[in-house]
Amino acid sequence: MVSACLEAYRATSDTWWYTEAQRAFDWFLGWNDLGLEVYSSSTGGCRDALHVDRVNQNQGAESTLSFLLSLAELQVLQNTLSSFQQPIAV
């Protein structure tokens, strides 16, 4: 979802898509139906899923890679945007 929203933002320059990308990323950090973090800052891993009442305890490679790729994509875009907002030193 993060990748798709960021690609839509790049294609349209509509900030709504950028906001939605951030919102999708926030799902990992607890902005989900259960209000529970899926990403674990203590292990650096990411849980695989949400159950009806809890977080799945498995930390799989796919989940962790999804988190890290989403984080990296957001960071690259934020760095690009901020570099265009700052004046160039002469």
C-alpha atoms as a PDB file:
ATOM      1  CA  MET A   1       0.000   0.000   0.000  1.00  0.00           C
ATOM      2  CA  VAL A   2       2.809   2.405   0.838  1.00  0.00           C
ATOM      3  CA  SER A   3       4.527   1.782  -2.499  1.00  0.00           C
ATOM      4  CA  ALA A   4       1.297   2.141  -4.470  1.00  0.00           C
ATOM      5  CA  CYS A   5       0.363   5.386  -2.723  1.00  0.00           C
ATOM      6  CA  LEU A   6       3.833   6.855  -3.208  1.00  0.00           C
ATOM      7  CA  GLU A   7       3.783   5.947  -6.881  1.00  0.00           C
ATOM      8  CA  ALA A   8       0.379   7.640  -7.226  1.00  0.00           C
ATOM      9  CA  TYR A   9       1.822  10.697  -5.478  1.00  0.00           C
ATOM     10  CA  ARG A  10       4.792  10.794  -7.864  1.00  0.00           C
ATOM     11  CA  ALA A  11       2.479  10.448 -10.858  1.00  0.00           C
ATOM     12  CA  THR A  12      -0.088  13.038  -9.782  1.00  0.00           C
ATOM     13  CA  SER A  13       1.657  15.329  -7.239  1.00  0.00           C
ATOM     14  CA  ASP A  14      -1.564  15.056  -5.240  1.00  0.00           C
ATOM     15  CA  THR A  15      -0.588  15.315  -1.563  1.00  0.00           C
ATOM     16  CA  TRP A  16      -3.569  13.146  -0.631  1.00  0.00           C
ATOM     17  CA  TRP A  17      -1.583  10.143  -1.879  1.00  0.00           C
ATOM     18  CA  TYR A  18       1.433  11.115   0.217  1.00  0.00           C
ATOM     19  CA  THR A  19      -0.777  11.363   3.297  1.00  0.00           C
ATOM     20  CA  GLU A  20      -2.298   7.970   2.522  1.00  0.00           C
ATOM     21  CA  ALA A  21       1.188   6.433   2.184  1.00  0.00           C
ATOM     22  CA  GLN A  22       2.078   7.715   5.639  1.00  0.00           C
ATOM     23  CA  ARG A  23      -1.213   6.422   6.996  1.00  0.00           C
ATOM     24  CA  ALA A  24      -0.584   2.972   5.494  1.00  0.00           C
ATOM     25  CA  PHE A  25       2.877   2.940   7.077  1.00  0.00           C
ATOM     26  CA  ASP A  26       1.417   3.899  10.444  1.00  0.00           C
ATOM     27  CA  TRP A  27      -0.458   0.572  10.405  1.00  0.00           C
ATOM     28  CA  PHE A  28       2.845  -1.058  11.396  1.00  0.00           C
ATOM     29  CA  LEU A  29       3.165   1.328  14.344  1.00  0.00           C
ATOM     30  CA  GLY A  30      -0.219   0.675  15.903  1.00  0.00           C
ATOM     31  CA  TRP A  31      -2.681   2.665  13.811  1.00  0.00           C
ATOM     32  CA  ASN A  32      -4.627  -0.474  12.950  1.00  0.00           C
ATOM     33  CA  ASP A  33      -7.932  -2.020  14.024  1.00  0.00           C
ATOM     34  CA  LEU A  34      -6.461  -3.352  17.276  1.00  0.00           C
ATOM     35  CA  GLY A  35      -4.269  -0.382  18.108  1.00  0.00           C
ATOM     36  CA  LEU A  36      -1.284  -2.726  18.476  1.00  0.00           C
ATOM     37  CA  GLU A  37       2.202  -2.310  17.076  1.00  0.00           C
ATOM     38  CA  VAL A  38       3.117  -4.842  14.427  1.00  0.00           C
ATOM     39  CA  TYR A  39       6.711  -3.583  14.244  1.00  0.00           C
ATOM     40  CA  SER A  40       8.853  -4.416  17.282  1.00  0.00           C
ATOM     41  CA  SER A  41      11.503  -1.820  18.068  1.00  0.00           C
ATOM     42  CA  SER A  42      13.117  -4.211  20.558  1.00  0.00           C
ATOM     43  CA  THR A  43      13.776  -6.926  17.958  1.00  0.00           C
ATOM     44  CA  GLY A  44      13.759  -4.872  14.765  1.00  0.00           C
ATOM     45  CA  GLY A  45      11.321  -7.416  13.366  1.00  0.00           C
ATOM     46  CA  CYS A  46       7.756  -7.154  12.241  1.00  0.00           C
ATOM     47  CA  ARG A  47       4.875  -9.432  13.192  1.00  0.00           C
ATOM     48  CA  ASP A  48       3.184 -11.314  10.386  1.00  0.00           C
ATOM     49  CA  ALA A  49      -0.433 -10.344  10.952  1.00  0.00           C
ATOM     50  CA  LEU A  50      -3.240  -9.311  13.225  1.00  0.00           C
ATOM     51  CA  HIS A  51      -5.632 -11.862  14.655  1.00  0.00           C
ATOM     52  CA  VAL A  52      -9.112 -10.840  15.762  1.00  0.00           C
ATOM     53  CA  ASP A  53      -7.855 -10.067  19.268  1.00  0.00           C
ATOM     54  CA  ARG A  54      -4.036 -10.000  19.149  1.00  0.00           C
ATOM     55  CA  VAL A  55      -0.883  -9.681  17.092  1.00  0.00           C
ATOM     56  CA  ASN A  56       0.518 -12.827  15.519  1.00  0.00           C
ATOM     57  CA  GLN A  57       3.739 -13.643  17.389  1.00  0.00           C
ATOM     58  CA  ASN A  58       5.619 -14.863  14.310  1.00  0.00           C
ATOM     59  CA  GLN A  59       8.146 -12.390  12.919  1.00  0.00           C
ATOM     60  CA  GLY A  60       8.684 -13.449   9.349  1.00  0.00           C
ATOM     61  CA  ALA A  61      11.156 -12.165   6.814  1.00  0.00           C
ATOM     62  CA  GLU A  62       8.399 -11.008   4.452  1.00  0.00           C
ATOM     63  CA  SER A  63       6.757  -8.838   7.098  1.00  0.00           C
ATOM     64  CA  THR A  64      10.041  -7.336   8.212  1.00  0.00           C
ATOM     65  CA  LEU A  65      11.078  -6.634   4.633  1.00  0.00           C
ATOM     66  CA  SER A  66       7.713  -4.989   3.936  1.00  0.00           C
ATOM     67  CA  PHE A  67       8.229  -2.696   6.909  1.00  0.00           C
ATOM     68  CA  LEU A  68      11.821  -1.855   5.972  1.00  0.00           C
ATOM     69  CA  LEU A  69      11.030  -1.239   2.298  1.00  0.00           C
ATOM     70  CA  SER A  70       8.103   0.988   3.242  1.00  0.00           C
ATOM     71  CA  LEU A  71      10.297   2.907   5.672  1.00  0.00           C
ATOM     72  CA  ALA A  72      13.042   3.318   3.070  1.00  0.00           C
ATOM     73  CA  GLU A  73      10.634   4.499   0.361  1.00  0.00           C
ATOM     74  CA  LEU A  74       9.091   7.097   2.660  1.00  0.00           C
ATOM     75  CA  GLN A  75      12.519   8.270   3.784  1.00  0.00           C
ATOM     76  CA  VAL A  76      13.815   8.649   0.224  1.00  0.00           C
ATOM     77  CA  LEU A  77      10.791  10.690  -0.796  1.00  0.00           C
ATOM     78  CA  GLN A  78      10.971  12.841   2.352  1.00  0.00           C
ATOM     79  CA  ASN A  79      14.677  13.504   1.717  1.00  0.00           C
ATOM     80  CA  THR A  80      13.950  14.419  -1.893  1.00  0.00           C
ATOM     81  CA  LEU A  81      11.129  16.764  -0.908  1.00  0.00           C
ATOM     82  CA  SER A  82      13.171  18.470   1.801  1.00  0.00           C
ATOM     83  CA  SER A  83      16.151  18.996  -0.523  1.00  0.00           C
ATOM     84  CA  PHE A  84      13.928  20.978  -2.885  1.00  0.00           C
ATOM     85  CA  GLN A  85      12.598  23.127  -0.038  1.00  0.00           C
ATOM     86  CA  GLN A  86      15.957  24.263   1.304  1.00  0.00           C
ATOM     87  CA  PRO A  87      17.952  27.039  -0.393  1.00  0.00           C
ATOM     88  CA  ILE A  88      21.158  26.010  -2.109  1.00  0.00           C
ATOM     89  CA  ALA A  89      24.271  27.264  -0.335  1.00  0.00           C
ATOM     90  CA  VAL A  90      26.638  29.231  -2.544  1.00  0.00           C
END
